[in-house]
Structures are given as structure tokens and as C-alpha cells.
Amino acid sequence: MTTPAPEPAVTAPERQPHHRRRVVVHPDAGTLAEAVAARLLTRLLDVQSLHSPVHVGLTGGTVGIALLRAVARSPIRDVVDWSGVHVWWGDERFLPSGDPDRNETQARDALLDSLGDVLPAENVHAMPALGDGVDTPERSAEAYAAELARFAADGAAAPELDVLLLGMGPDGHVASLFPGHDALTVTGTPTVGVHGSPKPPPERVSLTFEAINAAHQVWFVVAGAEKAAQLGAALSGADVAATPAAGAYGRERTLWLVDAAAAAGLPA
């Protein structure tokens, strides 16, 4: 079912425009992953009918990787012109290349490697890993900012992603922007190095709100009863310092694609 989100109860300059936001509830996490995969493929095809290249931002997490596996299985996958798709990430764990906990590693295993030669290697823009010419999250963030700038319009810091997939943690964090963390207030750059993450590993790289909110569409993919309280807070316009997900939105549209367990506390 599709349910309009409730009117924000707290006015904050960072909150997302509620009139561009929709909540779509699926019965369970498995159905959610399959449905978002179909939605993503349709979005890629729709955008490719208008312009090329297409820029998409991926997320990690259990459901985020499950939806990539569903994309890999879909027959619609082969209709997409992957040579015109550029792949980015909203955040990354600052670990060595190939580490199984890296979002890039999991995404390659779930989908990207299966695309073989149809997705050019140069179209996959991974955040630099520990040891790949960078030794701190800050240097990785700087290198990624430079890569984003290469594909940005004149005067912009990053390309406007046609769709950016995001998850949300039980604490309300989005990408690697955690409650109360200094990275929440970083401006003037599309990326930030993160230290002291409350969720291991402690060192990460993340897009900033400026880069996230420049995306044409932002899709949150959220499953699990443990996220219900923060889902309600984010949709109610909670303080971004306490619930960072409340500050992430798309310029044209924001979709909250959730399962019934996560949506249990929302109004009918």
C-alpha cells in the first residue's frame, strides 16, 4: 500500500519537503527487496529514455544487498544499457580493498561482477580503500570528492544522482552520518571522513547532506521492527542531530520503501 507521510511536527531547515515524500509499505523484507529491485530497473530505463549517462548511488546493509541480488536475477536487467550507467556509493567502511565488510565488495558480489563487460570498470566509482593510495578517511574523502567533481556540471561539486539508495540504522543514522556526530554539520564539500562511528568499523567515508540532498530522487530502503521508532521520528521531522535520516531528501522526490515491521508505528 502507498501512504502519504504525516505532516512534519517539527519545523527545521534541514527537514525534507513533505509534499515530495511518499511511504510505500511492503509485507516483509524479502518482498521489499524484490519490489525495490524492480523499481530501480524501471527508474534506470525511464531516465535512459531522457538522458545519458545515468548516475545511481548504492547502499549496503542486509536489504540493500538483497535488492542488488534481486536486480541480478531480474530479466529486466539485460534491457538496461549498463554502458551508460555510473555507480557511486553513499558511504563506505574505510577498510582494505576486498574486505568482506566493505559495501563495494558486497555490491560486486551481489550484482556488479555479474554484469561482466556490459558495465565498464571505469563506470564503477568506489570510495578509495585503506592502502589504495590513501591512509586516512579524510584522504579517501578528498579523493572521492575529486572523482565526483570530474562528473559534475560546471560549478557543482558532484553529479546530481538520478537515484540514491539509502538505508537507515536503528539509531536513525543515514549513510555514515550518525546522531550527534560532527559530520552532520560539514558543509562546502560532498564527502567527509568519519572517525568514532558507534557502529564498527569506527572509520568510514560518507557523502555529506549537501551531496545527498542534491540527488534527484532519494530512496530509503528500511526493514525491521527495530527501526520503527526512528522511522516515525524521521517522518515526523525530528531534530536531525538526533535522527540524521530526517535531514536526507531528494530534490524531486523522496521515497521511504519499508516493510510492515518498520512501518508498524506509522498512522494508517
C-alpha atoms as a PDB file:
ATOM      1  CA  MET A   1       0.000   0.000   0.000  1.00  0.00           C
ATOM      2  CA  THR A   2       1.050   3.611  -0.504  1.00  0.00           C
ATOM      3  CA  THR A   3       0.526   6.022   2.375  1.00  0.00           C
ATOM      4  CA  PRO A   4       1.228   9.775   2.376  1.00  0.00           C
ATOM      5  CA  ALA A   5       3.703  10.590   5.139  1.00  0.00           C
ATOM      6  CA  PRO A   6       2.420  12.511   8.161  1.00  0.00           C
ATOM      7  CA  GLU A   7       2.842  16.265   8.289  1.00  0.00           C
ATOM      8  CA  PRO A   8       6.163  17.102   9.976  1.00  0.00           C
ATOM      9  CA  ALA A   9       5.616  18.076  13.591  1.00  0.00           C
ATOM     10  CA  VAL A  10       8.921  19.914  13.961  1.00  0.00           C
ATOM     11  CA  THR A  11       9.993  22.735  11.697  1.00  0.00           C
ATOM     12  CA  ALA A  12      13.684  22.551  10.854  1.00  0.00           C
ATOM     13  CA  PRO A  13      15.554  23.942   7.858  1.00  0.00           C
ATOM     14  CA  GLU A  14      17.137  20.542   7.212  1.00  0.00           C
ATOM     15  CA  ARG A  15      13.914  18.541   7.081  1.00  0.00           C
ATOM     16  CA  GLN A  16      12.794  17.139   3.774  1.00  0.00           C
ATOM     17  CA  PRO A  17       9.900  18.755   1.859  1.00  0.00           C
ATOM     18  CA  HIS A  18       6.945  16.607   2.925  1.00  0.00           C
ATOM     19  CA  HIS A  19       4.986  17.281  -0.254  1.00  0.00           C
ATOM     20  CA  ARG A  20       7.616  15.393  -2.267  1.00  0.00           C
ATOM     21  CA  ARG A  21       7.741  12.415   0.084  1.00  0.00           C
ATOM     22  CA  ARG A  22       5.889   9.110  -0.091  1.00  0.00           C
ATOM     23  CA  VAL A  23       5.905   5.995   2.067  1.00  0.00           C
ATOM     24  CA  VAL A  24       5.413   2.608   0.390  1.00  0.00           C
ATOM     25  CA  VAL A  25       4.899  -0.356   2.719  1.00  0.00           C
ATOM     26  CA  HIS A  26       5.631  -3.964   1.693  1.00  0.00           C
ATOM     27  CA  PRO A  27       4.668  -7.017   3.753  1.00  0.00           C
ATOM     28  CA  ASP A  28       8.178  -8.243   4.555  1.00  0.00           C
ATOM     29  CA  ALA A  29      11.867  -7.651   3.898  1.00  0.00           C
ATOM     30  CA  GLY A  30      12.076 -10.194   1.079  1.00  0.00           C
ATOM     31  CA  THR A  31       9.190  -8.649  -0.823  1.00  0.00           C
ATOM     32  CA  LEU A  32      10.664  -5.214  -0.182  1.00  0.00           C
ATOM     33  CA  ALA A  33      13.988  -6.177  -1.772  1.00  0.00           C
ATOM     34  CA  GLU A  34      12.299  -7.648  -4.852  1.00  0.00           C
ATOM     35  CA  ALA A  35       9.985  -4.665  -5.267  1.00  0.00           C
ATOM     36  CA  VAL A  36      12.767  -2.088  -4.939  1.00  0.00           C
ATOM     37  CA  ALA A  37      14.869  -4.015  -7.447  1.00  0.00           C
ATOM     38  CA  ALA A  38      12.044  -3.823  -9.998  1.00  0.00           C
ATOM     39  CA  ARG A  39      11.504  -0.154  -9.184  1.00  0.00           C
ATOM     40  CA  LEU A  40      15.214   0.595  -9.615  1.00  0.00           C
ATOM     41  CA  LEU A  41      15.430  -1.104 -13.002  1.00  0.00           C
ATOM     42  CA  THR A  42      12.357   0.797 -14.163  1.00  0.00           C
ATOM     43  CA  ARG A  43      13.880   4.048 -12.932  1.00  0.00           C
ATOM     44  CA  LEU A  44      17.097   3.385 -14.854  1.00  0.00           C
ATOM     45  CA  LEU A  45      15.167   2.652 -18.047  1.00  0.00           C
ATOM     46  CA  ASP A  46      12.980   5.730 -17.630  1.00  0.00           C
ATOM     47  CA  VAL A  47      15.957   8.021 -17.088  1.00  0.00           C
ATOM     48  CA  GLN A  48      17.852   6.492 -20.016  1.00  0.00           C
ATOM     49  CA  SER A  49      14.952   7.439 -22.273  1.00  0.00           C
ATOM     50  CA  LEU A  50      15.675  11.067 -21.347  1.00  0.00           C
ATOM     51  CA  HIS A  51      19.425  11.385 -20.981  1.00  0.00           C
ATOM     52  CA  SER A  52      22.729   9.594 -20.620  1.00  0.00           C
ATOM     53  CA  PRO A  53      24.720   8.867 -18.566  1.00  0.00           C
ATOM     54  CA  VAL A  54      22.626   7.827 -15.578  1.00  0.00           C
ATOM     55  CA  HIS A  55      24.108   8.194 -12.101  1.00  0.00           C
ATOM     56  CA  VAL A  56      22.968   5.870  -9.311  1.00  0.00           C
ATOM     57  CA  GLY A  57      24.138   5.705  -5.699  1.00  0.00           C
ATOM     58  CA  LEU A  58      24.128   2.338  -3.913  1.00  0.00           C
ATOM     59  CA  THR A  59      23.741   1.453  -0.263  1.00  0.00           C
ATOM     60  CA  GLY A  60      24.859  -1.519   1.806  1.00  0.00           C
ATOM     61  CA  GLY A  61      23.115  -3.392   4.586  1.00  0.00           C
ATOM     62  CA  THR A  62      21.108  -6.592   4.502  1.00  0.00           C
ATOM     63  CA  VAL A  63      18.210  -5.293   2.424  1.00  0.00           C
ATOM     64  CA  GLY A  64      20.419  -3.049   0.285  1.00  0.00           C
ATOM     65  CA  ILE A  65      22.495  -6.014  -0.834  1.00  0.00           C
ATOM     66  CA  ALA A  66      19.427  -8.259  -1.156  1.00  0.00           C
ATOM     67  CA  LEU A  67      17.872  -5.846  -3.636  1.00  0.00           C
ATOM     68  CA  LEU A  68      21.075  -5.880  -5.701  1.00  0.00           C
ATOM     69  CA  ARG A  69      20.872  -9.674  -5.820  1.00  0.00           C
ATOM     70  CA  ALA A  70      17.278  -9.318  -6.977  1.00  0.00           C
ATOM     71  CA  VAL A  71      18.421  -6.939  -9.728  1.00  0.00           C
ATOM     72  CA  ALA A  72      20.979  -9.539 -10.832  1.00  0.00           C
ATOM     73  CA  ARG A  73      18.222 -12.170 -11.141  1.00  0.00           C
ATOM     74  CA  SER A  74      15.750  -9.986 -12.994  1.00  0.00           C
ATOM     75  CA  PRO A  75      15.277 -10.466 -16.762  1.00  0.00           C
ATOM     76  CA  ILE A  76      14.760  -6.703 -16.992  1.00  0.00           C
ATOM     77  CA  ARG A  77      18.406  -6.303 -16.033  1.00  0.00           C
ATOM     78  CA  ASP A  78      19.504  -7.051 -19.586  1.00  0.00           C
ATOM     79  CA  VAL A  79      17.308  -4.298 -21.044  1.00  0.00           C
ATOM     80  CA  VAL A  80      19.290  -1.589 -19.251  1.00  0.00           C
ATOM     81  CA  ASP A  81      22.184  -0.050 -21.176  1.00  0.00           C
ATOM     82  CA  TRP A  82      24.756  -0.509 -18.424  1.00  0.00           C
ATOM     83  CA  SER A  83      27.439   1.176 -20.507  1.00  0.00           C
ATOM     84  CA  GLY A  84      25.582   4.408 -19.773  1.00  0.00           C
ATOM     85  CA  VAL A  85      25.231   3.827 -16.008  1.00  0.00           C
ATOM     86  CA  HIS A  86      27.666   5.218 -13.432  1.00  0.00           C
ATOM     87  CA  VAL A  87      27.670   3.634  -9.983  1.00  0.00           C
ATOM     88  CA  TRP A  88      28.506   5.537  -6.782  1.00  0.00           C
ATOM     89  CA  TRP A  89      28.166   4.905  -3.058  1.00  0.00           C
ATOM     90  CA  GLY A  90      26.578   6.922  -0.271  1.00  0.00           C
ATOM     91  CA  ASP A  91      29.130   5.735   2.254  1.00  0.00           C
ATOM     92  CA  GLU A  92      31.833   3.169   2.805  1.00  0.00           C
ATOM     93  CA  ARG A  93      33.707   1.437   5.581  1.00  0.00           C
ATOM     94  CA  PHE A  94      37.363   2.534   5.498  1.00  0.00           C
ATOM     95  CA  LEU A  95      38.867  -0.931   5.195  1.00  0.00           C
ATOM     96  CA  PRO A  96      41.323  -2.559   2.755  1.00  0.00           C
ATOM     97  CA  SER A  97      40.129  -3.270  -0.765  1.00  0.00           C
ATOM     98  CA  GLY A  98      38.295  -6.572  -0.976  1.00  0.00           C
ATOM     99  CA  ASP A  99      37.405  -6.659   2.717  1.00  0.00           C
ATOM    100  CA  PRO A 100      34.077  -8.509   3.016  1.00  0.00           C
ATOM    101  CA  ASP A 101      32.631  -5.744   5.182  1.00  0.00           C
ATOM    102  CA  ARG A 102      33.057  -3.086   2.505  1.00  0.00           C
ATOM    103  CA  ASN A 103      29.865  -2.035   0.715  1.00  0.00           C
ATOM    104  CA  GLU A 104      31.781  -2.170  -2.564  1.00  0.00           C
ATOM    105  CA  THR A 105      32.850  -5.790  -2.006  1.00  0.00           C
ATOM    106  CA  GLN A 106      29.309  -6.878  -1.197  1.00  0.00           C
ATOM    107  CA  ALA A 107      27.838  -4.969  -4.152  1.00  0.00           C
ATOM    108  CA  ARG A 108      30.327  -6.526  -6.546  1.00  0.00           C
ATOM    109  CA  ASP A 109      29.456  -9.989  -5.288  1.00  0.00           C
ATOM    110  CA  ALA A 110      25.705  -9.330  -5.404  1.00  0.00           C
ATOM    111  CA  LEU A 111      25.441  -7.602  -8.796  1.00  0.00           C
ATOM    112  CA  LEU A 112      28.328  -5.719 -10.320  1.00  0.00           C
ATOM    113  CA  ASP A 113      30.584  -8.678 -11.101  1.00  0.00           C
ATOM    114  CA  SER A 114      27.679 -10.455 -12.800  1.00  0.00           C
ATOM    115  CA  LEU A 115      27.338  -7.588 -15.263  1.00  0.00           C
ATOM    116  CA  GLY A 116      30.707  -8.504 -16.726  1.00  0.00           C
ATOM    117  CA  ASP A 117      31.715  -6.414 -19.715  1.00  0.00           C
ATOM    118  CA  VAL A 118      28.383  -4.601 -20.087  1.00  0.00           C
ATOM    119  CA  LEU A 119      29.218  -2.306 -17.150  1.00  0.00           C
ATOM    120  CA  PRO A 120      32.581  -0.657 -17.880  1.00  0.00           C
ATOM    121  CA  ALA A 121      35.034  -0.793 -14.984  1.00  0.00           C
ATOM    122  CA  GLU A 122      35.541   2.955 -15.243  1.00  0.00           C
ATOM    123  CA  ASN A 123      31.840   3.489 -14.531  1.00  0.00           C
ATOM    124  CA  VAL A 124      32.138   1.966 -11.054  1.00  0.00           C
ATOM    125  CA  HIS A 125      33.276   4.680  -8.662  1.00  0.00           C
ATOM    126  CA  ALA A 126      34.244   3.048  -5.378  1.00  0.00           C
ATOM    127  CA  MET A 127      35.373   5.104  -2.418  1.00  0.00           C
ATOM    128  CA  PRO A 128      39.158   4.635  -2.092  1.00  0.00           C
ATOM    129  CA  ALA A 129      40.041   1.820   0.287  1.00  0.00           C
ATOM    130  CA  LEU A 130      42.630   1.793   3.046  1.00  0.00           C
ATOM    131  CA  GLY A 131      46.011   1.178   1.405  1.00  0.00           C
ATOM    132  CA  ASP A 132      44.898   2.137  -2.114  1.00  0.00           C
ATOM    133  CA  GLY A 133      46.911   5.349  -2.112  1.00  0.00           C
ATOM    134  CA  VAL A 134      45.116   6.726   0.950  1.00  0.00           C
ATOM    135  CA  ASP A 135      45.855   6.166   4.627  1.00  0.00           C
ATOM    136  CA  THR A 136      43.079   8.112   6.376  1.00  0.00           C
ATOM    137  CA  PRO A 137      39.329   8.525   5.902  1.00  0.00           C
ATOM    138  CA  GLU A 138      39.955  12.209   5.171  1.00  0.00           C
ATOM    139  CA  ARG A 139      42.240  11.428   2.263  1.00  0.00           C
ATOM    140  CA  SER A 140      39.759   8.909   0.924  1.00  0.00           C
ATOM    141  CA  ALA A 141      37.014  11.539   1.196  1.00  0.00           C
ATOM    142  CA  GLU A 142      39.170  14.087  -0.627  1.00  0.00           C
ATOM    143  CA  ALA A 143      39.933  11.639  -3.435  1.00  0.00           C
ATOM    144  CA  TYR A 144      36.255  10.752  -3.766  1.00  0.00           C
ATOM    145  CA  ALA A 145      35.293  14.408  -3.842  1.00  0.00           C
ATOM    146  CA  ALA A 146      37.723  14.878  -6.723  1.00  0.00           C
ATOM    147  CA  GLU A 147      36.185  11.905  -8.557  1.00  0.00           C
ATOM    148  CA  LEU A 148      32.683  13.284  -8.024  1.00  0.00           C
ATOM    149  CA  ALA A 149      33.806  16.675  -9.353  1.00  0.00           C
ATOM    150  CA  ARG A 150      35.018  15.047 -12.592  1.00  0.00           C
ATOM    151  CA  PHE A 151      31.423  14.131 -13.442  1.00  0.00           C
ATOM    152  CA  ALA A 152      29.699  17.202 -12.037  1.00  0.00           C
ATOM    153  CA  ALA A 153      28.137  20.014 -14.024  1.00  0.00           C
ATOM    154  CA  ASP A 154      30.048  23.267 -14.164  1.00  0.00           C
ATOM    155  CA  GLY A 155      30.061  24.894 -10.761  1.00  0.00           C
ATOM    156  CA  ALA A 156      28.799  21.790  -8.940  1.00  0.00           C
ATOM    157  CA  ALA A 157      30.741  19.639  -6.514  1.00  0.00           C
ATOM    158  CA  ALA A 158      29.147  16.350  -7.552  1.00  0.00           C
ATOM    159  CA  PRO A 159      26.887  14.872 -10.214  1.00  0.00           C
ATOM    160  CA  GLU A 160      23.181  15.031  -9.435  1.00  0.00           C
ATOM    161  CA  LEU A 161      22.415  11.385  -8.808  1.00  0.00           C
ATOM    162  CA  ASP A 162      19.309  10.228 -10.649  1.00  0.00           C
ATOM    163  CA  VAL A 163      18.551   7.945  -7.739  1.00  0.00           C
ATOM    164  CA  LEU A 164      20.373   7.494  -4.432  1.00  0.00           C
ATOM    165  CA  LEU A 165      19.579   4.426  -2.350  1.00  0.00           C
ATOM    166  CA  LEU A 166      19.955   4.851   1.402  1.00  0.00           C
ATOM    167  CA  GLY A 167      19.395   2.700   4.438  1.00  0.00           C
ATOM    168  CA  MET A 168      18.650   3.803   7.978  1.00  0.00           C
ATOM    169  CA  GLY A 169      20.070   2.368  11.177  1.00  0.00           C
ATOM    170  CA  PRO A 170      18.095   1.657  14.364  1.00  0.00           C
ATOM    171  CA  ASP A 171      19.664   4.830  15.764  1.00  0.00           C
ATOM    172  CA  GLY A 172      18.411   6.890  12.818  1.00  0.00           C
ATOM    173  CA  HIS A 173      21.768   7.255  11.099  1.00  0.00           C
ATOM    174  CA  VAL A 174      21.898   7.620   7.322  1.00  0.00           C
ATOM    175  CA  ALA A 175      24.940   6.825   5.140  1.00  0.00           C
ATOM    176  CA  SER A 176      27.679   7.232   7.789  1.00  0.00           C
ATOM    177  CA  LEU A 177      26.151  10.335   9.358  1.00  0.00           C
ATOM    178  CA  PHE A 178      25.486   9.348  12.970  1.00  0.00           C
ATOM    179  CA  PRO A 179      23.471  11.074  15.700  1.00  0.00           C
ATOM    180  CA  GLY A 180      25.414  13.822  17.423  1.00  0.00           C
ATOM    181  CA  HIS A 181      28.444  13.393  15.150  1.00  0.00           C
ATOM    182  CA  ASP A 182      30.462  16.328  13.822  1.00  0.00           C
ATOM    183  CA  ALA A 183      29.997  15.050  10.261  1.00  0.00           C
ATOM    184  CA  LEU A 184      26.343  16.110  10.397  1.00  0.00           C
ATOM    185  CA  THR A 185      27.268  19.771  10.114  1.00  0.00           C
ATOM    186  CA  VAL A 186      30.004  19.554   7.469  1.00  0.00           C
ATOM    187  CA  THR A 187      29.327  21.886   4.533  1.00  0.00           C
ATOM    188  CA  GLY A 188      31.192  23.034   1.437  1.00  0.00           C
ATOM    189  CA  THR A 189      32.229  19.521   0.400  1.00  0.00           C
ATOM    190  CA  PRO A 190      30.344  16.459  -0.914  1.00  0.00           C
ATOM    191  CA  THR A 191      32.278  13.982   1.244  1.00  0.00           C
ATOM    192  CA  VAL A 192      33.562  13.631   4.783  1.00  0.00           C
ATOM    193  CA  GLY A 193      35.874  11.300   6.677  1.00  0.00           C
ATOM    194  CA  VAL A 194      34.266   9.808   9.761  1.00  0.00           C
ATOM    195  CA  HIS A 195      36.009   8.716  12.965  1.00  0.00           C
ATOM    196  CA  GLY A 196      34.483   7.188  16.066  1.00  0.00           C
ATOM    197  CA  SER A 197      31.487   5.599  14.394  1.00  0.00           C
ATOM    198  CA  PRO A 198      29.332   3.958  17.081  1.00  0.00           C
ATOM    199  CA  LYS A 199      28.841   1.080  14.656  1.00  0.00           C
ATOM    200  CA  PRO A 200      32.019  -0.808  13.696  1.00  0.00           C
ATOM    201  CA  PRO A 201      34.278  -0.197  11.971  1.00  0.00           C
ATOM    202  CA  PRO A 202      34.965   3.196  13.554  1.00  0.00           C
ATOM    203  CA  GLU A 203      36.480   4.787  10.434  1.00  0.00           C
ATOM    204  CA  ARG A 204      34.291   5.487   7.417  1.00  0.00           C
ATOM    205  CA  VAL A 205      33.742   7.811   4.456  1.00  0.00           C
ATOM    206  CA  SER A 206      30.356   9.353   3.713  1.00  0.00           C
ATOM    207  CA  LEU A 207      28.541  11.708   1.440  1.00  0.00           C
ATOM    208  CA  THR A 208      27.501  14.868   3.249  1.00  0.00           C
ATOM    209  CA  PHE A 209      23.945  16.156   3.371  1.00  0.00           C
ATOM    210  CA  GLU A 210      24.826  18.625   0.603  1.00  0.00           C
ATOM    211  CA  ALA A 211      25.635  15.784  -1.795  1.00  0.00           C
ATOM    212  CA  ILE A 212      22.754  13.572  -0.627  1.00  0.00           C
ATOM    213  CA  ASN A 213      20.166  16.307  -0.983  1.00  0.00           C
ATOM    214  CA  ALA A 214      21.387  17.217  -4.473  1.00  0.00           C
ATOM    215  CA  ALA A 215      20.143  13.843  -5.772  1.00  0.00           C
ATOM    216  CA  HIS A 216      17.056  13.970  -7.973  1.00  0.00           C
ATOM    217  CA  GLN A 217      15.474  11.115  -6.035  1.00  0.00           C
ATOM    218  CA  VAL A 218      16.399   9.637  -2.670  1.00  0.00           C
ATOM    219  CA  TRP A 219      15.030   6.210  -1.811  1.00  0.00           C
ATOM    220  CA  PHE A 220      15.229   4.960   1.762  1.00  0.00           C
ATOM    221  CA  VAL A 221      15.057   1.173   1.998  1.00  0.00           C
ATOM    222  CA  VAL A 222      14.213   0.210   5.569  1.00  0.00           C
ATOM    223  CA  ALA A 223      13.185  -3.103   7.149  1.00  0.00           C
ATOM    224  CA  GLY A 224      12.797  -4.416  10.667  1.00  0.00           C
ATOM    225  CA  ALA A 225      10.812  -3.661  13.812  1.00  0.00           C
ATOM    226  CA  GLU A 226      13.953  -2.311  15.496  1.00  0.00           C
ATOM    227  CA  LYS A 227      13.787   0.672  13.126  1.00  0.00           C
ATOM    228  CA  ALA A 228      10.129   1.528  13.675  1.00  0.00           C
ATOM    229  CA  ALA A 229      10.695   4.229  16.305  1.00  0.00           C
ATOM    230  CA  GLN A 230      13.307   6.081  14.257  1.00  0.00           C
ATOM    231  CA  LEU A 231      11.245   5.725  11.090  1.00  0.00           C
ATOM    232  CA  GLY A 232       8.411   7.523  12.818  1.00  0.00           C
ATOM    233  CA  ALA A 233      10.791  10.176  14.120  1.00  0.00           C
ATOM    234  CA  ALA A 234      12.343  10.781  10.706  1.00  0.00           C
ATOM    235  CA  LEU A 235       8.955  11.141   9.029  1.00  0.00           C
ATOM    236  CA  SER A 236       7.766  13.493  11.759  1.00  0.00           C
ATOM    237  CA  GLY A 237      10.567  15.963  11.113  1.00  0.00           C
ATOM    238  CA  ALA A 238      12.689  15.096  14.149  1.00  0.00           C
ATOM    239  CA  ASP A 239      15.830  17.002  15.069  1.00  0.00           C
ATOM    240  CA  VAL A 240      18.491  15.989  12.552  1.00  0.00           C
ATOM    241  CA  ALA A 241      21.133  15.881  15.290  1.00  0.00           C
ATOM    242  CA  ALA A 242      19.150  13.092  16.981  1.00  0.00           C
ATOM    243  CA  THR A 243      17.735  11.416  13.849  1.00  0.00           C
ATOM    244  CA  PRO A 244      20.018  12.159  10.880  1.00  0.00           C
ATOM    245  CA  ALA A 245      17.685  10.398   8.419  1.00  0.00           C
ATOM    246  CA  ALA A 246      15.253  13.288   8.914  1.00  0.00           C
ATOM    247  CA  GLY A 247      17.684  15.539   7.056  1.00  0.00           C
ATOM    248  CA  ALA A 248      18.081  13.447   3.888  1.00  0.00           C
ATOM    249  CA  TYR A 249      15.804  14.018   0.915  1.00  0.00           C
ATOM    250  CA  GLY A 250      15.733  14.203  -2.872  1.00  0.00           C
ATOM    251  CA  ARG A 251      15.338  17.400  -4.863  1.00  0.00           C
ATOM    252  CA  GLU A 252      12.410  15.984  -6.815  1.00  0.00           C
ATOM    253  CA  ARG A 253      11.178  13.051  -4.770  1.00  0.00           C
ATOM    254  CA  THR A 254      11.858  11.088  -1.611  1.00  0.00           C
ATOM    255  CA  LEU A 255      10.587   7.536  -1.244  1.00  0.00           C
ATOM    256  CA  TRP A 256      10.520   5.607   2.003  1.00  0.00           C
ATOM    257  CA  LEU A 257      10.325   1.984   0.866  1.00  0.00           C
ATOM    258  CA  VAL A 258       9.744  -0.027   4.019  1.00  0.00           C
ATOM    259  CA  ASP A 259       8.446  -3.329   5.305  1.00  0.00           C
ATOM    260  CA  ALA A 260       5.438  -3.772   7.574  1.00  0.00           C
ATOM    261  CA  ALA A 261       7.569  -4.324  10.668  1.00  0.00           C
ATOM    262  CA  ALA A 262       9.365  -0.996  10.252  1.00  0.00           C
ATOM    263  CA  ALA A 263       6.080   0.764   9.494  1.00  0.00           C
ATOM    264  CA  ALA A 264       4.216  -0.698  12.487  1.00  0.00           C
ATOM    265  CA  GLY A 265       4.115   2.591  14.352  1.00  0.00           C
ATOM    266  CA  LEU A 266       3.034   4.795  11.457  1.00  0.00           C
ATOM    267  CA  PRO A 267      -0.509   6.136  11.028  1.00  0.00           C
ATOM    268  CA  ALA A 268      -2.694   4.039   8.761  1.00  0.00           C
END
